[in-house]
Amino acid sequence: MLRLALAALLLVSTAAQADECDGLAARIAAATGGKVARRQGPSIDIRVPGSTKLDLTCRAEPIAQAASGDPSPSAAYFQVLSIATEIVVGERADAAQAILVRAYETALRERRKSFIQQNGWSASCYTDSAGTIRTLCSVGRIPPG
């Protein structure tokens, strides 16, 4: 009986997390002029105008991630991810954009993943001049603990 109750509680919790993630994805899509695309496990693809690939992954804390195959990410790339940042972590989009650009420039200059923590959230960027994904940046809340 206890196992059944625990299983039911887990299903309710998982469904609530999925609903919250779907809601975040819908808000990001609406704010960026995009459209919620496919969902696979905890990740939801969001189609946004242009060449930026955006997804939202919901585990302990939601993480928004943007990928670009362009030699240098466009201004729209940073704008889309900064809007998602405001929705996911609550940091103003203009402040988030400055931090994301700094993380990108650091990754490019130092040729390694750049990681910046600020106000309970983090931004990270990775660049690869030879890969199909040239820039990959993500943002998310720092889990408590």
N, C-alpha and C. Protein backbone atom coordinates (compact mmCIF):
# COMPACT_ATOMS: atom_id res chain seq x y z
N MET A 1 0.82 -1.18 0.00
CA MET A 1 0.00 0.00 0.00
C MET A 1 0.87 1.26 0.00
N LEU A 2 1.93 1.24 0.82
CA LEU A 2 2.84 2.38 0.88
C LEU A 2 3.52 2.60 -0.47
N ARG A 3 3.92 1.50 -1.13
CA ARG A 3 4.56 1.60 -2.44
C ARG A 3 3.62 2.25 -3.45
N LEU A 4 2.38 1.86 -3.41
CA LEU A 4 1.38 2.41 -4.33
C LEU A 4 1.21 3.91 -4.09
N ALA A 5 1.16 4.31 -2.83
CA ALA A 5 1.01 5.72 -2.49
C ALA A 5 2.23 6.52 -2.94
N LEU A 6 3.44 5.98 -2.74
CA LEU A 6 4.66 6.65 -3.17
C LEU A 6 4.72 6.76 -4.69
N ALA A 7 4.31 5.71 -5.39
CA ALA A 7 4.29 5.74 -6.86
C ALA A 7 3.31 6.80 -7.36
N ALA A 8 2.15 6.89 -6.74
CA ALA A 8 1.15 7.89 -7.13
C ALA A 8 1.68 9.30 -6.88
N LEU A 9 2.35 9.50 -5.75
CA LEU A 9 2.93 10.80 -5.44
C LEU A 9 4.00 11.19 -6.46
N LEU A 10 4.81 10.24 -6.86
CA LEU A 10 5.85 10.48 -7.85
C LEU A 10 5.23 10.87 -9.19
N LEU A 11 4.18 10.19 -9.60
CA LEU A 11 3.51 10.51 -10.86
C LEU A 11 2.91 11.91 -10.83
N VAL A 12 2.29 12.27 -9.73
CA VAL A 12 1.70 13.60 -9.60
C VAL A 12 2.80 14.66 -9.66
N SER A 13 3.92 14.43 -8.97
CA SER A 13 5.04 15.36 -8.96
C SER A 13 5.63 15.51 -10.36
N THR A 14 5.81 14.39 -11.07
CA THR A 14 6.36 14.42 -12.42
C THR A 14 5.43 15.16 -13.37
N ALA A 15 4.13 14.93 -13.24
CA ALA A 15 3.15 15.62 -14.09
C ALA A 15 3.15 17.11 -13.81
N ALA A 16 3.28 17.50 -12.55
CA ALA A 16 3.31 18.92 -12.20
C ALA A 16 4.55 19.58 -12.80
N GLN A 17 5.71 18.90 -12.73
CA GLN A 17 6.94 19.45 -13.32
C GLN A 17 6.79 19.59 -14.83
N ALA A 18 6.18 18.59 -15.48
CA ALA A 18 5.97 18.66 -16.92
C ALA A 18 5.07 19.83 -17.28
N ASP A 19 3.99 20.03 -16.52
CA ASP A 19 3.08 21.15 -16.78
C ASP A 19 3.81 22.48 -16.62
N GLU A 20 4.63 22.59 -15.58
CA GLU A 20 5.39 23.82 -15.35
C GLU A 20 6.37 24.07 -16.49
N CYS A 21 7.04 23.03 -16.95
CA CYS A 21 7.99 23.15 -18.04
C CYS A 21 7.27 23.53 -19.34
N ASP A 22 6.14 22.90 -19.60
CA ASP A 22 5.35 23.26 -20.79
C ASP A 22 4.93 24.72 -20.74
N GLY A 23 4.55 25.18 -19.55
CA GLY A 23 4.16 26.58 -19.38
C GLY A 23 5.32 27.53 -19.64
N LEU A 24 6.51 27.20 -19.13
CA LEU A 24 7.70 28.02 -19.37
C LEU A 24 8.03 28.06 -20.87
N ALA A 25 7.96 26.90 -21.51
CA ALA A 25 8.25 26.82 -22.95
C ALA A 25 7.27 27.68 -23.74
N ALA A 26 6.00 27.63 -23.38
CA ALA A 26 4.99 28.44 -24.07
C ALA A 26 5.26 29.93 -23.88
N ARG A 27 5.64 30.32 -22.66
CA ARG A 27 5.95 31.74 -22.40
C ARG A 27 7.17 32.19 -23.20
N ILE A 28 8.21 31.35 -23.26
CA ILE A 28 9.41 31.69 -24.02
C ILE A 28 9.07 31.81 -25.51
N ALA A 29 8.31 30.86 -26.03
CA ALA A 29 7.93 30.89 -27.44
C ALA A 29 7.14 32.17 -27.76
N ALA A 30 6.19 32.51 -26.92
CA ALA A 30 5.38 33.71 -27.16
C ALA A 30 6.25 34.97 -27.10
N ALA A 31 7.17 35.04 -26.16
CA ALA A 31 8.00 36.24 -25.98
C ALA A 31 9.05 36.41 -27.08
N THR A 32 9.43 35.30 -27.72
CA THR A 32 10.48 35.37 -28.74
C THR A 32 9.92 35.28 -30.16
N GLY A 33 8.61 35.18 -30.29
CA GLY A 33 8.02 35.02 -31.61
C GLY A 33 8.21 33.63 -32.16
N GLY A 34 8.45 32.68 -31.26
CA GLY A 34 8.70 31.30 -31.66
C GLY A 34 7.49 30.42 -31.51
N LYS A 35 7.75 29.13 -31.57
CA LYS A 35 6.69 28.13 -31.49
C LYS A 35 7.23 26.91 -30.74
N VAL A 36 6.45 26.39 -29.81
CA VAL A 36 6.87 25.18 -29.11
C VAL A 36 6.84 24.03 -30.12
N ALA A 37 7.95 23.31 -30.21
CA ALA A 37 8.07 22.21 -31.16
C ALA A 37 7.95 20.88 -30.42
N ARG A 38 8.89 20.00 -30.61
CA ARG A 38 8.75 18.67 -30.01
C ARG A 38 9.32 18.61 -28.60
N ARG A 39 8.78 17.67 -27.87
CA ARG A 39 9.26 17.40 -26.52
C ARG A 39 9.83 16.00 -26.50
N GLN A 40 11.00 15.86 -25.88
CA GLN A 40 11.61 14.55 -25.71
C GLN A 40 12.13 14.47 -24.28
N GLY A 41 11.47 13.67 -23.46
CA GLY A 41 11.84 13.56 -22.06
C GLY A 41 11.69 14.91 -21.39
N PRO A 42 12.74 15.37 -20.68
CA PRO A 42 12.63 16.65 -19.98
C PRO A 42 12.94 17.87 -20.86
N SER A 43 13.23 17.65 -22.16
CA SER A 43 13.63 18.74 -23.05
C SER A 43 12.53 19.09 -24.05
N ILE A 44 12.38 20.40 -24.28
CA ILE A 44 11.40 20.91 -25.23
C ILE A 44 12.13 21.82 -26.21
N ASP A 45 12.00 21.52 -27.51
CA ASP A 45 12.55 22.38 -28.54
C ASP A 45 11.60 23.54 -28.79
N ILE A 46 12.16 24.73 -28.93
CA ILE A 46 11.37 25.92 -29.24
C ILE A 46 11.92 26.49 -30.54
N ARG A 47 11.09 26.52 -31.56
CA ARG A 47 11.51 27.07 -32.86
C ARG A 47 11.37 28.58 -32.82
N VAL A 48 12.48 29.26 -33.02
CA VAL A 48 12.47 30.73 -33.03
C VAL A 48 12.90 31.19 -34.41
N PRO A 49 12.51 32.40 -34.81
CA PRO A 49 12.92 32.92 -36.11
C PRO A 49 14.45 32.97 -36.22
N GLY A 50 14.97 32.72 -37.41
CA GLY A 50 16.41 32.77 -37.63
C GLY A 50 17.06 31.41 -37.46
N SER A 51 18.37 31.43 -37.30
CA SER A 51 19.13 30.18 -37.26
C SER A 51 19.42 29.67 -35.85
N THR A 52 18.96 30.38 -34.83
CA THR A 52 19.21 29.96 -33.45
C THR A 52 18.34 28.76 -33.10
N LYS A 53 18.94 27.78 -32.46
CA LYS A 53 18.21 26.63 -31.94
C LYS A 53 18.09 26.82 -30.44
N LEU A 54 16.86 26.80 -29.93
CA LEU A 54 16.61 27.05 -28.52
C LEU A 54 15.89 25.87 -27.92
N ASP A 55 16.32 25.44 -26.75
CA ASP A 55 15.57 24.40 -26.04
C ASP A 55 15.54 24.69 -24.55
N LEU A 56 14.56 24.10 -23.92
CA LEU A 56 14.35 24.22 -22.48
C LEU A 56 14.38 22.82 -21.90
N THR A 57 15.23 22.61 -20.92
CA THR A 57 15.31 21.32 -20.24
C THR A 57 14.91 21.53 -18.78
N CYS A 58 13.95 20.74 -18.33
CA CYS A 58 13.47 20.87 -16.96
C CYS A 58 13.82 19.63 -16.17
N ARG A 59 14.72 19.82 -15.23
CA ARG A 59 15.05 18.78 -14.26
C ARG A 59 14.83 19.41 -12.89
N ALA A 60 15.84 19.43 -12.03
CA ALA A 60 15.68 20.07 -10.72
C ALA A 60 15.35 21.55 -10.89
N GLU A 61 16.05 22.21 -11.81
CA GLU A 61 15.81 23.60 -12.17
C GLU A 61 15.80 23.68 -13.69
N PRO A 62 14.96 24.51 -14.28
CA PRO A 62 14.94 24.62 -15.74
C PRO A 62 16.21 25.29 -16.28
N ILE A 63 16.64 24.82 -17.46
CA ILE A 63 17.81 25.36 -18.13
C ILE A 63 17.41 25.70 -19.56
N ALA A 64 17.68 26.93 -19.98
CA ALA A 64 17.47 27.32 -21.37
C ALA A 64 18.83 27.28 -22.06
N GLN A 65 18.82 26.74 -23.28
CA GLN A 65 20.07 26.58 -24.02
C GLN A 65 19.86 27.01 -25.47
N ALA A 66 20.81 27.75 -26.01
CA ALA A 66 20.74 28.19 -27.39
C ALA A 66 21.99 27.73 -28.13
N ALA A 67 21.79 27.26 -29.36
CA ALA A 67 22.90 26.81 -30.19
C ALA A 67 22.88 27.57 -31.52
N SER A 68 24.07 27.82 -32.05
CA SER A 68 24.20 28.50 -33.33
C SER A 68 25.31 27.84 -34.14
N GLY A 69 25.04 27.62 -35.41
CA GLY A 69 26.04 27.08 -36.31
C GLY A 69 26.76 28.18 -37.09
N ASP A 70 26.37 29.43 -36.86
CA ASP A 70 27.00 30.57 -37.54
C ASP A 70 28.43 30.77 -37.02
N PRO A 71 29.33 31.28 -37.88
CA PRO A 71 30.70 31.53 -37.42
C PRO A 71 30.75 32.42 -36.18
N SER A 72 29.87 33.40 -36.10
CA SER A 72 29.70 34.23 -34.91
C SER A 72 28.21 34.33 -34.66
N PRO A 73 27.78 34.17 -33.42
CA PRO A 73 26.34 34.27 -33.17
C PRO A 73 25.84 35.69 -33.43
N SER A 74 24.63 35.78 -33.94
CA SER A 74 24.04 37.07 -34.28
C SER A 74 23.53 37.78 -33.03
N ALA A 75 23.19 39.04 -33.20
CA ALA A 75 22.57 39.79 -32.11
C ALA A 75 21.26 39.13 -31.71
N ALA A 76 20.54 38.58 -32.70
CA ALA A 76 19.27 37.89 -32.42
C ALA A 76 19.49 36.68 -31.51
N TYR A 77 20.61 35.98 -31.68
CA TYR A 77 20.95 34.83 -30.83
C TYR A 77 20.95 35.26 -29.36
N PHE A 78 21.69 36.33 -29.06
CA PHE A 78 21.78 36.80 -27.68
C PHE A 78 20.45 37.37 -27.20
N GLN A 79 19.70 38.00 -28.08
CA GLN A 79 18.41 38.56 -27.70
C GLN A 79 17.43 37.44 -27.31
N VAL A 80 17.37 36.39 -28.12
CA VAL A 80 16.46 35.27 -27.83
C VAL A 80 16.84 34.61 -26.51
N LEU A 81 18.13 34.35 -26.30
CA LEU A 81 18.54 33.69 -25.06
C LEU A 81 18.35 34.61 -23.86
N SER A 82 18.53 35.90 -24.02
CA SER A 82 18.33 36.81 -22.88
C SER A 82 16.85 36.90 -22.51
N ILE A 83 15.96 36.83 -23.49
CA ILE A 83 14.51 36.80 -23.20
C ILE A 83 14.17 35.52 -22.44
N ALA A 84 14.72 34.41 -22.90
CA ALA A 84 14.49 33.13 -22.21
C ALA A 84 15.05 33.19 -20.78
N THR A 85 16.19 33.85 -20.61
CA THR A 85 16.79 34.00 -19.29
C THR A 85 15.86 34.74 -18.35
N GLU A 86 15.26 35.81 -18.84
CA GLU A 86 14.35 36.58 -18.00
C GLU A 86 13.18 35.71 -17.53
N ILE A 87 12.67 34.88 -18.41
CA ILE A 87 11.53 34.02 -18.06
C ILE A 87 11.95 32.89 -17.13
N VAL A 88 13.10 32.29 -17.39
CA VAL A 88 13.54 31.11 -16.61
C VAL A 88 14.11 31.49 -15.25
N VAL A 89 14.95 32.54 -15.19
CA VAL A 89 15.61 32.86 -13.92
C VAL A 89 15.20 34.19 -13.32
N GLY A 90 14.50 35.02 -14.07
CA GLY A 90 14.02 36.29 -13.53
C GLY A 90 14.96 37.46 -13.66
N GLU A 91 16.11 37.28 -14.28
CA GLU A 91 17.05 38.38 -14.50
C GLU A 91 16.56 39.21 -15.69
N ARG A 92 16.60 40.53 -15.57
CA ARG A 92 16.17 41.38 -16.69
C ARG A 92 16.92 41.00 -17.96
N ALA A 93 16.22 41.01 -19.08
CA ALA A 93 16.81 40.58 -20.35
C ALA A 93 18.04 41.41 -20.73
N ASP A 94 18.00 42.72 -20.52
CA ASP A 94 19.16 43.54 -20.90
C ASP A 94 20.38 43.22 -20.05
N ALA A 95 20.17 42.98 -18.76
CA ALA A 95 21.29 42.60 -17.89
C ALA A 95 21.82 41.21 -18.25
N ALA A 96 20.90 40.30 -18.53
CA ALA A 96 21.28 38.94 -18.91
C ALA A 96 22.07 38.95 -20.22
N GLN A 97 21.65 39.77 -21.16
CA GLN A 97 22.34 39.81 -22.45
C GLN A 97 23.79 40.25 -22.29
N ALA A 98 24.04 41.23 -21.46
CA ALA A 98 25.42 41.67 -21.23
C ALA A 98 26.26 40.54 -20.63
N ILE A 99 25.69 39.78 -19.72
CA ILE A 99 26.41 38.67 -19.10
C ILE A 99 26.66 37.56 -20.11
N LEU A 100 25.67 37.26 -20.94
CA LEU A 100 25.83 36.23 -21.97
C LEU A 100 26.90 36.61 -22.99
N VAL A 101 26.91 37.85 -23.40
CA VAL A 101 27.94 38.31 -24.34
C VAL A 101 29.32 38.19 -23.70
N ARG A 102 29.43 38.55 -22.43
CA ARG A 102 30.72 38.42 -21.73
C ARG A 102 31.15 36.96 -21.63
N ALA A 103 30.21 36.06 -21.34
CA ALA A 103 30.54 34.63 -21.26
C ALA A 103 30.99 34.11 -22.63
N TYR A 104 30.30 34.53 -23.69
CA TYR A 104 30.69 34.13 -25.04
C TYR A 104 32.09 34.64 -25.38
N GLU A 105 32.34 35.93 -25.15
CA GLU A 105 33.65 36.51 -25.48
C GLU A 105 34.78 35.85 -24.70
N THR A 106 34.51 35.51 -23.45
CA THR A 106 35.51 34.82 -22.62
C THR A 106 35.80 33.43 -23.19
N ALA A 107 34.75 32.70 -23.56
CA ALA A 107 34.93 31.36 -24.13
C ALA A 107 35.72 31.43 -25.43
N LEU A 108 35.42 32.42 -26.24
CA LEU A 108 36.11 32.58 -27.52
C LEU A 108 37.59 32.92 -27.29
N ARG A 109 37.84 33.84 -26.40
CA ARG A 109 39.21 34.30 -26.12
C ARG A 109 40.05 33.21 -25.46
N GLU A 110 39.46 32.50 -24.48
CA GLU A 110 40.23 31.51 -23.72
C GLU A 110 40.15 30.10 -24.30
N ARG A 111 39.33 29.93 -25.34
CA ARG A 111 39.18 28.63 -26.02
C ARG A 111 38.81 27.51 -25.05
N ARG A 112 37.90 27.84 -24.15
CA ARG A 112 37.37 26.85 -23.22
C ARG A 112 35.98 27.31 -22.77
N LYS A 113 35.28 26.43 -22.12
CA LYS A 113 33.94 26.78 -21.64
C LYS A 113 34.05 27.90 -20.61
N SER A 114 33.19 28.87 -20.75
CA SER A 114 33.14 30.00 -19.82
C SER A 114 31.91 29.84 -18.93
N PHE A 115 32.06 30.15 -17.66
CA PHE A 115 30.99 29.93 -16.69
C PHE A 115 30.93 31.15 -15.78
N ILE A 116 29.77 31.82 -15.74
CA ILE A 116 29.59 33.01 -14.90
C ILE A 116 28.40 32.78 -13.98
N GLN A 117 28.61 32.99 -12.69
CA GLN A 117 27.52 32.90 -11.71
C GLN A 117 27.16 34.29 -11.24
N GLN A 118 25.84 34.53 -11.13
CA GLN A 118 25.38 35.85 -10.71
C GLN A 118 23.97 35.75 -10.16
N ASN A 119 23.73 36.35 -9.01
CA ASN A 119 22.38 36.48 -8.43
C ASN A 119 21.60 35.17 -8.38
N GLY A 120 22.26 34.07 -8.07
CA GLY A 120 21.57 32.79 -7.94
C GLY A 120 21.34 32.06 -9.25
N TRP A 121 21.93 32.53 -10.34
CA TRP A 121 21.82 31.84 -11.62
C TRP A 121 23.18 31.81 -12.29
N SER A 122 23.30 31.00 -13.31
CA SER A 122 24.57 30.90 -14.01
C SER A 122 24.37 30.94 -15.52
N ALA A 123 25.39 31.41 -16.21
CA ALA A 123 25.44 31.41 -17.67
C ALA A 123 26.73 30.72 -18.06
N SER A 124 26.65 29.88 -19.08
CA SER A 124 27.86 29.26 -19.59
C SER A 124 27.83 29.28 -21.11
N CYS A 125 28.99 29.40 -21.71
CA CYS A 125 29.11 29.39 -23.16
C CYS A 125 30.31 28.54 -23.56
N TYR A 126 30.14 27.90 -24.71
CA TYR A 126 31.18 27.07 -25.29
C TYR A 126 31.25 27.43 -26.77
N THR A 127 32.44 27.53 -27.31
CA THR A 127 32.60 27.80 -28.73
C THR A 127 33.48 26.73 -29.37
N ASP A 128 33.22 26.45 -30.64
CA ASP A 128 33.99 25.47 -31.40
C ASP A 128 34.03 25.95 -32.85
N SER A 129 35.16 26.46 -33.28
CA SER A 129 35.26 27.05 -34.62
C SER A 129 35.16 26.02 -35.73
N ALA A 130 35.34 24.75 -35.43
CA ALA A 130 35.32 23.72 -36.47
C ALA A 130 34.04 22.88 -36.46
N GLY A 131 33.23 22.98 -35.42
CA GLY A 131 32.06 22.12 -35.31
C GLY A 131 30.85 22.63 -36.05
N THR A 132 29.82 21.78 -36.14
CA THR A 132 28.57 22.22 -36.76
C THR A 132 27.82 23.16 -35.84
N ILE A 133 27.99 22.97 -34.54
CA ILE A 133 27.48 23.94 -33.57
C ILE A 133 28.68 24.76 -33.14
N ARG A 134 28.70 26.02 -33.54
CA ARG A 134 29.85 26.88 -33.27
C ARG A 134 29.77 27.53 -31.90
N THR A 135 28.53 27.81 -31.45
CA THR A 135 28.33 28.45 -30.15
C THR A 135 27.19 27.76 -29.43
N LEU A 136 27.40 27.45 -28.16
CA LEU A 136 26.38 26.84 -27.32
C LEU A 136 26.43 27.55 -25.97
N CYS A 137 25.34 28.25 -25.63
CA CYS A 137 25.26 28.95 -24.36
C CYS A 137 24.03 28.48 -23.61
N SER A 138 24.11 28.43 -22.30
CA SER A 138 22.97 28.00 -21.50
C SER A 138 22.87 28.87 -20.25
N VAL A 139 21.65 28.92 -19.71
CA VAL A 139 21.38 29.66 -18.47
C VAL A 139 20.44 28.85 -17.60
N GLY A 140 20.60 28.99 -16.29
CA GLY A 140 19.71 28.31 -15.37
C GLY A 140 19.97 28.75 -13.95
N ARG A 141 19.02 28.49 -13.11
CA ARG A 141 19.18 28.78 -11.68
C ARG A 141 20.19 27.82 -11.08
N ILE A 142 20.91 28.29 -10.10
CA ILE A 142 21.82 27.43 -9.35
C ILE A 142 20.98 26.70 -8.32
N PRO A 143 20.95 25.35 -8.37
CA PRO A 143 20.12 24.62 -7.42
C PRO A 143 20.53 24.90 -5.98
N PRO A 144 19.55 25.00 -5.07
CA PRO A 144 19.88 25.23 -3.66
C PRO A 144 20.67 24.07 -3.09
N GLY A 145 21.51 24.39 -2.13
CA GLY A 145 22.23 23.31 -1.46
C GLY A 145 23.64 23.40 -1.63
